[in-house]
N, C-alpha and C. Protein backbone atom coordinates (compact mmCIF):
# COMPACT_ATOMS: atom_id res chain seq x y z
N MET A 1 -5.58 13.44 -19.01
CA MET A 1 -6.02 12.85 -17.51
C MET A 1 -7.51 12.86 -17.59
N PRO A 2 -7.82 11.72 -17.00
CA PRO A 2 -9.19 11.63 -16.84
C PRO A 2 -9.85 12.92 -15.86
N LYS A 3 -11.15 13.01 -15.74
CA LYS A 3 -11.81 13.87 -15.00
C LYS A 3 -11.53 13.77 -13.64
N LYS A 4 -11.82 14.66 -12.92
CA LYS A 4 -11.64 14.51 -11.47
C LYS A 4 -12.60 13.52 -10.92
N VAL A 5 -12.20 12.70 -9.82
CA VAL A 5 -13.24 12.06 -9.33
C VAL A 5 -13.84 12.56 -8.01
N SER A 6 -15.08 12.97 -7.98
CA SER A 6 -15.66 13.63 -6.85
C SER A 6 -15.76 12.70 -5.63
N ASP A 7 -15.73 13.37 -4.45
CA ASP A 7 -15.96 12.44 -3.25
C ASP A 7 -17.17 11.59 -3.48
N GLY A 8 -18.29 12.08 -3.99
CA GLY A 8 -19.42 11.30 -4.05
C GLY A 8 -19.21 10.08 -4.90
N GLU A 9 -18.63 10.43 -5.98
CA GLU A 9 -18.55 9.27 -6.96
C GLU A 9 -17.29 8.29 -6.49
N PHE A 10 -16.34 8.77 -5.76
CA PHE A 10 -15.50 7.85 -5.09
C PHE A 10 -16.21 6.84 -4.19
N ARG A 11 -16.95 7.41 -3.25
CA ARG A 11 -17.79 6.47 -2.43
C ARG A 11 -18.64 5.59 -2.96
N GLY A 12 -19.29 6.04 -3.98
CA GLY A 12 -20.16 5.17 -4.78
C GLY A 12 -19.66 4.37 -5.36
N VAL A 13 -18.51 4.53 -6.24
CA VAL A 13 -17.72 3.55 -7.01
C VAL A 13 -17.09 2.35 -5.99
N THR A 14 -16.40 2.99 -4.89
CA THR A 14 -15.84 2.06 -4.12
C THR A 14 -16.79 0.96 -3.35
N ALA A 15 -18.08 1.51 -3.23
CA ALA A 15 -19.09 0.65 -2.59
C ALA A 15 -19.58 -0.48 -3.40
N LEU A 16 -19.41 -0.07 -4.71
CA LEU A 16 -19.98 -1.11 -5.69
C LEU A 16 -19.24 -2.58 -5.31
N SER A 17 -19.97 -3.64 -5.81
CA SER A 17 -19.59 -5.04 -5.63
C SER A 17 -18.30 -5.21 -6.79
N GLY A 18 -17.48 -6.12 -6.36
CA GLY A 18 -16.26 -6.55 -7.26
C GLY A 18 -16.71 -6.52 -8.75
N PRO A 19 -17.70 -7.30 -8.99
CA PRO A 19 -18.00 -7.40 -10.57
C PRO A 19 -18.43 -5.78 -11.23
N ASP A 20 -19.12 -5.28 -10.43
CA ASP A 20 -19.54 -3.93 -10.88
C ASP A 20 -18.34 -2.85 -11.04
N ARG A 21 -17.30 -2.97 -10.08
CA ARG A 21 -16.17 -2.19 -10.09
C ARG A 21 -15.30 -2.49 -11.53
N TYR A 22 -15.23 -3.90 -11.54
CA TYR A 22 -14.54 -4.37 -12.81
C TYR A 22 -15.36 -3.88 -14.01
N SER A 23 -16.54 -3.84 -14.33
CA SER A 23 -17.22 -3.21 -15.36
C SER A 23 -17.01 -1.53 -15.45
N HIS A 24 -16.80 -1.02 -14.37
CA HIS A 24 -16.52 0.38 -14.18
C HIS A 24 -14.98 0.55 -14.78
N PHE A 25 -14.25 -0.24 -14.24
CA PHE A 25 -12.78 -0.32 -14.70
C PHE A 25 -12.62 -0.37 -16.20
N ILE A 26 -13.41 -1.21 -16.83
CA ILE A 26 -13.21 -1.57 -18.21
C ILE A 26 -13.64 -0.29 -19.00
N ARG A 27 -14.82 0.31 -18.69
CA ARG A 27 -15.29 1.47 -19.46
C ARG A 27 -14.52 2.52 -19.31
N ARG A 28 -14.01 2.98 -17.90
CA ARG A 28 -13.03 4.06 -17.74
C ARG A 28 -11.77 3.86 -18.54
N VAL A 29 -11.18 2.56 -18.35
CA VAL A 29 -9.84 2.46 -19.20
C VAL A 29 -10.00 2.83 -20.65
N ALA A 30 -10.98 2.14 -21.11
CA ALA A 30 -11.23 2.24 -22.47
C ALA A 30 -11.50 3.86 -22.87
N ASP A 31 -12.12 4.58 -22.02
CA ASP A 31 -12.45 6.12 -22.06
C ASP A 31 -11.23 6.86 -22.18
N PHE A 32 -10.49 6.35 -21.23
CA PHE A 32 -9.13 7.52 -20.80
C PHE A 32 -7.87 6.86 -21.20
N GLU A 33 -7.78 5.67 -21.90
CA GLU A 33 -6.53 4.87 -22.32
C GLU A 33 -5.19 5.02 -21.22
N GLU A 34 -5.71 4.73 -19.85
CA GLU A 34 -4.73 4.63 -18.90
C GLU A 34 -5.15 3.71 -17.73
N ILE A 35 -4.21 3.19 -17.01
CA ILE A 35 -4.43 2.28 -16.12
C ILE A 35 -3.41 2.75 -14.93
N TRP A 36 -4.07 2.82 -13.60
CA TRP A 36 -2.98 2.85 -12.64
C TRP A 36 -2.64 1.85 -11.62
N SER A 37 -1.56 1.74 -11.21
CA SER A 37 -1.12 0.74 -10.30
C SER A 37 -0.08 1.45 -9.22
N LEU A 38 0.44 0.51 -8.43
CA LEU A 38 1.42 1.01 -7.20
C LEU A 38 2.85 0.33 -7.45
N ARG A 39 3.61 1.44 -7.43
CA ARG A 39 5.19 0.86 -7.67
C ARG A 39 5.89 1.38 -6.27
N GLY A 40 6.49 0.41 -5.51
CA GLY A 40 7.51 0.72 -4.64
C GLY A 40 9.03 0.70 -5.23
N SER A 41 9.99 0.54 -4.06
CA SER A 41 11.17 0.78 -4.56
C SER A 41 11.70 -0.72 -5.11
N ASP A 42 11.12 -1.63 -4.91
CA ASP A 42 11.16 -3.07 -5.48
C ASP A 42 10.45 -3.40 -6.77
N GLY A 43 9.80 -2.43 -7.31
CA GLY A 43 8.96 -2.62 -8.39
C GLY A 43 7.49 -2.41 -8.10
N TRP A 44 6.58 -3.16 -8.97
CA TRP A 44 5.20 -3.03 -8.83
C TRP A 44 4.72 -3.80 -7.59
N VAL A 45 3.89 -3.31 -6.67
CA VAL A 45 3.28 -3.97 -5.57
C VAL A 45 2.51 -5.19 -6.15
N THR A 46 2.50 -6.32 -5.30
CA THR A 46 1.69 -7.38 -5.65
C THR A 46 0.78 -7.69 -4.31
N MET A 47 -0.16 -8.53 -4.57
CA MET A 47 -1.07 -8.88 -3.43
C MET A 47 -1.34 -10.56 -3.97
N GLY A 48 -1.72 -11.35 -2.94
CA GLY A 48 -2.25 -12.54 -3.21
C GLY A 48 -3.71 -12.59 -3.15
N ASP A 49 -4.12 -13.58 -3.63
CA ASP A 49 -5.73 -13.93 -3.73
C ASP A 49 -5.88 -15.03 -2.89
N ASP A 50 -7.39 -15.41 -2.74
CA ASP A 50 -7.79 -16.67 -1.85
C ASP A 50 -7.28 -17.87 -2.31
N VAL A 51 -6.59 -17.93 -3.55
CA VAL A 51 -6.39 -19.22 -4.05
C VAL A 51 -4.75 -19.36 -4.50
N GLY A 52 -4.17 -18.39 -4.02
CA GLY A 52 -2.61 -18.20 -4.09
C GLY A 52 -1.97 -17.49 -5.34
N HIS A 53 -2.82 -17.03 -6.03
CA HIS A 53 -2.22 -16.39 -7.18
C HIS A 53 -1.66 -15.10 -6.72
N GLN A 54 -0.64 -14.85 -7.27
CA GLN A 54 0.16 -13.40 -7.20
C GLN A 54 -0.59 -12.42 -8.12
N CYS A 55 -0.95 -11.35 -7.72
CA CYS A 55 -1.52 -10.49 -8.51
C CYS A 55 -0.94 -9.00 -8.38
N ILE A 56 -1.05 -8.22 -9.56
CA ILE A 56 -0.72 -6.88 -9.59
C ILE A 56 -1.98 -6.21 -9.60
N PRO A 57 -2.16 -5.18 -8.59
CA PRO A 57 -3.47 -4.57 -8.42
C PRO A 57 -3.49 -3.36 -9.43
N VAL A 58 -4.73 -3.07 -10.08
CA VAL A 58 -4.79 -1.95 -10.87
C VAL A 58 -6.09 -1.28 -10.67
N TRP A 59 -6.22 0.07 -11.07
CA TRP A 59 -7.46 1.19 -10.91
C TRP A 59 -7.38 1.83 -12.13
N PRO A 60 -8.72 2.27 -12.43
CA PRO A 60 -9.15 3.07 -13.46
C PRO A 60 -8.75 4.71 -13.27
N HIS A 61 -8.20 4.98 -11.99
CA HIS A 61 -7.89 6.62 -11.80
C HIS A 61 -7.06 6.72 -10.71
N LYS A 62 -6.18 7.74 -10.75
CA LYS A 62 -5.10 7.77 -9.83
C LYS A 62 -5.82 8.02 -8.34
N ARG A 63 -6.85 8.35 -8.08
CA ARG A 63 -7.41 8.67 -6.80
C ARG A 63 -7.85 7.32 -6.18
N TYR A 64 -8.14 6.24 -6.64
CA TYR A 64 -8.47 5.11 -6.23
C TYR A 64 -7.17 4.27 -6.01
N ALA A 65 -6.14 4.48 -6.88
CA ALA A 65 -4.81 3.76 -6.60
C ALA A 65 -4.25 4.55 -5.33
N GLU A 66 -4.39 5.60 -5.16
CA GLU A 66 -3.75 6.38 -4.21
C GLU A 66 -4.38 5.95 -2.70
N ALA A 67 -5.64 5.83 -2.75
CA ALA A 67 -6.42 5.33 -1.49
C ALA A 67 -5.95 3.89 -0.95
N SER A 68 -5.18 3.33 -1.97
CA SER A 68 -4.64 1.99 -1.43
C SER A 68 -3.30 2.15 -0.86
N ILE A 69 -2.64 3.27 -0.78
CA ILE A 69 -1.38 3.55 -0.30
C ILE A 69 -1.45 3.47 1.29
N ARG A 70 -1.10 2.16 1.73
CA ARG A 70 -1.06 2.12 3.30
C ARG A 70 -0.46 0.84 3.58
N ASP A 71 -0.41 0.48 4.96
CA ASP A 71 0.06 -0.71 5.50
C ASP A 71 1.36 -1.20 4.58
N ASP A 72 1.25 -2.54 3.98
CA ASP A 72 2.40 -2.89 3.36
C ASP A 72 2.98 -2.10 2.09
N TRP A 73 1.86 -1.20 1.61
CA TRP A 73 2.01 -0.41 0.48
C TRP A 73 2.32 0.94 0.79
N SER A 74 2.67 1.54 1.93
CA SER A 74 2.63 2.78 2.35
C SER A 74 3.76 3.62 1.75
N GLU A 75 4.85 2.92 1.39
CA GLU A 75 6.08 3.65 0.48
C GLU A 75 5.77 3.72 -0.76
N ALA A 76 4.69 2.95 -1.33
CA ALA A 76 4.49 2.98 -2.63
C ALA A 76 4.03 4.27 -3.41
N GLU A 77 4.08 4.44 -4.83
CA GLU A 77 3.39 5.66 -5.40
C GLU A 77 2.40 5.19 -6.42
N ALA A 78 1.47 6.08 -6.63
CA ALA A 78 0.50 5.73 -7.91
C ALA A 78 1.26 6.08 -9.08
N VAL A 79 1.30 5.12 -10.06
CA VAL A 79 1.86 5.26 -11.39
C VAL A 79 0.82 5.01 -12.31
N MET A 80 0.72 5.93 -13.47
CA MET A 80 -0.14 5.77 -14.62
C MET A 80 0.65 4.88 -15.79
N ILE A 81 0.02 3.86 -16.35
CA ILE A 81 0.25 3.07 -17.22
C ILE A 81 -0.46 3.45 -18.39
N GLU A 82 0.13 3.56 -19.60
CA GLU A 82 -0.58 4.19 -20.75
C GLU A 82 -1.13 2.76 -21.34
N LEU A 83 -2.38 2.75 -21.82
CA LEU A 83 -3.27 1.65 -22.27
C LEU A 83 -2.33 0.73 -23.24
N ASP A 84 -1.71 1.48 -24.22
CA ASP A 84 -1.17 0.72 -25.25
C ASP A 84 0.05 -0.17 -24.77
N ALA A 85 0.83 0.39 -23.79
CA ALA A 85 1.86 -0.23 -23.09
C ALA A 85 1.45 -1.35 -22.27
N TRP A 86 0.35 -1.13 -21.64
CA TRP A 86 -0.42 -2.20 -20.87
C TRP A 86 -0.66 -3.52 -21.68
N MET A 87 -1.24 -3.09 -22.81
CA MET A 87 -1.96 -4.21 -23.56
C MET A 87 -0.70 -4.98 -24.54
N THR A 88 0.36 -4.26 -24.86
CA THR A 88 1.49 -4.96 -25.74
C THR A 88 2.55 -5.39 -25.05
N ALA A 89 2.76 -4.82 -23.85
CA ALA A 89 4.14 -5.32 -23.18
C ALA A 89 3.75 -5.84 -21.68
N LEU A 90 2.89 -5.07 -20.78
CA LEU A 90 2.85 -5.41 -19.51
C LEU A 90 2.02 -6.82 -19.29
N LEU A 91 0.85 -6.90 -20.07
CA LEU A 91 0.03 -7.93 -19.92
C LEU A 91 0.76 -9.37 -20.31
N PRO A 92 1.33 -9.13 -21.51
CA PRO A 92 2.07 -10.46 -21.95
C PRO A 92 3.18 -10.82 -20.97
N SER A 93 3.86 -9.94 -20.28
CA SER A 93 5.07 -10.16 -19.60
C SER A 93 4.47 -10.97 -18.19
N MET A 94 3.20 -10.15 -17.94
CA MET A 94 2.70 -10.83 -16.63
C MET A 94 2.22 -12.33 -16.78
N ALA A 95 1.64 -12.51 -17.97
CA ALA A 95 1.48 -13.90 -18.32
C ALA A 95 2.48 -14.66 -18.37
N ARG A 96 3.51 -14.32 -18.94
CA ARG A 96 4.79 -15.19 -18.94
C ARG A 96 5.21 -15.31 -17.43
N ASP A 97 5.14 -14.44 -16.63
CA ASP A 97 5.54 -14.73 -15.39
C ASP A 97 4.60 -15.31 -14.30
N GLY A 98 3.48 -15.74 -14.88
CA GLY A 98 2.40 -16.57 -14.13
C GLY A 98 1.49 -15.44 -13.03
N LEU A 99 1.79 -14.26 -13.47
CA LEU A 99 0.86 -13.26 -12.33
C LEU A 99 -0.59 -13.01 -13.00
N HIS A 100 -1.37 -12.77 -12.18
CA HIS A 100 -2.67 -12.43 -12.36
C HIS A 100 -3.12 -10.93 -12.17
N VAL A 101 -4.13 -10.39 -12.57
CA VAL A 101 -4.30 -8.86 -12.27
C VAL A 101 -5.54 -9.00 -11.29
N ALA A 102 -5.57 -8.11 -10.28
CA ALA A 102 -6.31 -7.65 -9.26
C ALA A 102 -7.09 -6.42 -9.95
N VAL A 103 -8.25 -6.55 -10.22
CA VAL A 103 -8.81 -5.32 -10.86
C VAL A 103 -9.68 -4.65 -9.84
N PHE A 104 -9.38 -3.39 -9.44
CA PHE A 104 -9.78 -2.47 -8.69
C PHE A 104 -10.19 -3.04 -7.40
N PRO A 105 -9.17 -3.52 -6.54
CA PRO A 105 -9.42 -3.85 -5.14
C PRO A 105 -9.80 -2.56 -4.32
N VAL A 106 -10.60 -2.81 -3.30
CA VAL A 106 -10.84 -1.66 -2.36
C VAL A 106 -10.58 -2.17 -0.90
N GLU A 107 -10.48 -1.45 0.14
CA GLU A 107 -10.30 -1.86 1.48
C GLU A 107 -11.51 -2.31 2.01
N GLY A 108 -11.34 -3.49 2.71
CA GLY A 108 -12.58 -4.21 3.29
C GLY A 108 -12.55 -5.50 3.21
N PRO A 109 -13.28 -6.42 3.75
CA PRO A 109 -13.26 -7.86 3.73
C PRO A 109 -13.79 -8.05 2.55
N LYS A 110 -13.11 -9.19 1.86
CA LYS A 110 -13.55 -9.91 0.69
C LYS A 110 -13.52 -8.76 -0.62
N GLN A 111 -12.88 -7.58 -0.57
CA GLN A 111 -13.10 -6.64 -1.54
C GLN A 111 -11.62 -6.70 -2.43
N GLN A 112 -11.15 -7.93 -2.62
CA GLN A 112 -9.69 -8.06 -3.41
C GLN A 112 -10.02 -7.60 -4.93
N GLY A 113 -11.21 -7.33 -5.47
CA GLY A 113 -11.38 -6.99 -6.82
C GLY A 113 -11.73 -8.26 -7.60
N VAL A 114 -11.79 -8.07 -8.78
CA VAL A 114 -11.85 -9.36 -9.55
C VAL A 114 -10.36 -9.57 -10.08
N ILE A 115 -10.20 -10.97 -9.70
CA ILE A 115 -8.85 -11.60 -10.08
C ILE A 115 -8.87 -11.98 -11.48
N ILE A 116 -8.01 -11.86 -12.40
CA ILE A 116 -8.31 -12.42 -13.82
C ILE A 116 -6.93 -12.53 -14.51
N ALA A 117 -6.80 -13.53 -15.18
CA ALA A 117 -5.56 -13.72 -15.94
C ALA A 117 -5.30 -12.66 -16.95
N PRO A 118 -4.25 -12.34 -17.20
CA PRO A 118 -3.58 -11.04 -18.03
C PRO A 118 -4.23 -11.20 -19.44
N GLU A 119 -4.32 -12.47 -20.14
CA GLU A 119 -4.95 -12.74 -21.42
C GLU A 119 -6.17 -12.36 -21.50
N ASP A 120 -7.11 -12.80 -20.26
CA ASP A 120 -8.36 -12.60 -20.41
C ASP A 120 -8.63 -11.17 -20.23
N LEU A 121 -7.98 -10.51 -19.39
CA LEU A 121 -8.07 -8.92 -19.17
C LEU A 121 -7.90 -8.17 -20.66
N ARG A 122 -6.86 -8.71 -21.31
CA ARG A 122 -6.49 -8.19 -22.56
C ARG A 122 -7.60 -8.28 -23.49
N ARG A 123 -8.19 -9.40 -23.54
CA ARG A 123 -9.20 -9.69 -24.41
C ARG A 123 -10.50 -8.82 -24.18
N GLU A 124 -10.69 -8.67 -22.82
CA GLU A 124 -11.99 -7.78 -22.56
C GLU A 124 -11.78 -6.45 -22.90
N LEU A 125 -10.40 -5.89 -22.69
CA LEU A 125 -10.30 -4.51 -22.91
C LEU A 125 -10.46 -4.41 -24.44
N ALA A 126 -9.74 -5.39 -25.10
CA ALA A 126 -9.72 -5.17 -26.65
C ALA A 126 -11.28 -5.18 -27.10
N ALA A 127 -12.12 -5.87 -26.60
CA ALA A 127 -13.43 -5.96 -27.12
C ALA A 127 -14.21 -4.64 -26.72
N GLU A 128 -13.85 -4.12 -25.80
CA GLU A 128 -14.47 -2.84 -25.37
C GLU A 128 -13.97 -1.66 -26.18
N LEU A 129 -12.75 -1.80 -26.49
CA LEU A 129 -11.98 -0.52 -27.28
C LEU A 129 -12.60 -0.84 -28.96
N GLU A 130 -12.83 -1.98 -29.35
CA GLU A 130 -13.47 -2.30 -30.61
C GLU A 130 -14.93 -1.67 -30.63
N GLN A 131 -15.43 -1.71 -29.58
CA GLN A 131 -17.01 -1.08 -29.56
C GLN A 131 -16.57 0.61 -29.89
N TYR A 132 -15.67 1.16 -29.12
CA TYR A 132 -15.47 2.55 -29.60
C TYR A 132 -15.00 2.71 -31.04
N GLU A 133 -14.23 1.82 -31.59
CA GLU A 133 -13.86 2.04 -33.06
C GLU A 133 -15.14 1.96 -33.97
N SER A 134 -16.03 0.93 -33.55
CA SER A 134 -17.37 0.86 -34.34
C SER A 134 -18.14 1.99 -34.12
N ASP A 135 -18.17 2.65 -32.96
CA ASP A 135 -19.14 3.77 -32.85
C ASP A 135 -18.54 4.79 -33.58
N ASP A 136 -17.21 5.09 -33.54
CA ASP A 136 -16.45 5.89 -34.52
C ASP A 136 -16.88 5.91 -36.02
N ASN A 137 -16.76 4.47 -36.37
CA ASN A 137 -16.98 4.42 -37.83
C ASN A 137 -18.29 4.50 -38.27
N GLY A 138 -19.29 4.30 -37.41
CA GLY A 138 -20.60 4.47 -37.51
C GLY A 138 -20.97 6.23 -37.62
N ALA A 139 -20.30 6.97 -36.96
CA ALA A 139 -20.62 8.34 -36.85
C ALA A 139 -20.17 8.99 -38.07
N ALA A 140 -19.37 8.54 -38.98
CA ALA A 140 -19.00 9.10 -39.79
C ALA A 140 -19.92 9.49 -41.11
C-alpha cells in the first residue's frame, strides 16, 4: 500500500493542472504498481468528456479516488487495481470497448483530468516502468 497522503500533499496535488496531475499519476503508479478507480453496483463508474468519450476515471491513491465519491457516484467504492492486471487485461478490454481513461479528475470546472486512449496510457506506463528497470540494472 502506498504511503499515506497527507492533507497538505492532497491539497497540493489536487490543485495541480491536469497535465501535472497526469505526470504525478504516472510516477506514483510506477512506484507502487496500483491504480484506483470507483466501482458501483453496475460495475466501474464512467464519465463523459467534452468531446463525447466515455471514460473510466482513475487515481494513483485511494484517498484521491474516495474524494470523488459524491453525487452520481455516491454509492460507489474505491477499488484498487494491480498494475499488471490493468496493463494486461483492463486496458486492452477498454480499448476494444471504445472507452477512454480520465486520469486523475478532480472536483471543479474543467478538471476532468487528462483524457487518454487506453493504448496510449499503456505505452506511457510501460515507458515509465522501463526507466525503473534500467535504474535497477544500472545499480547492480
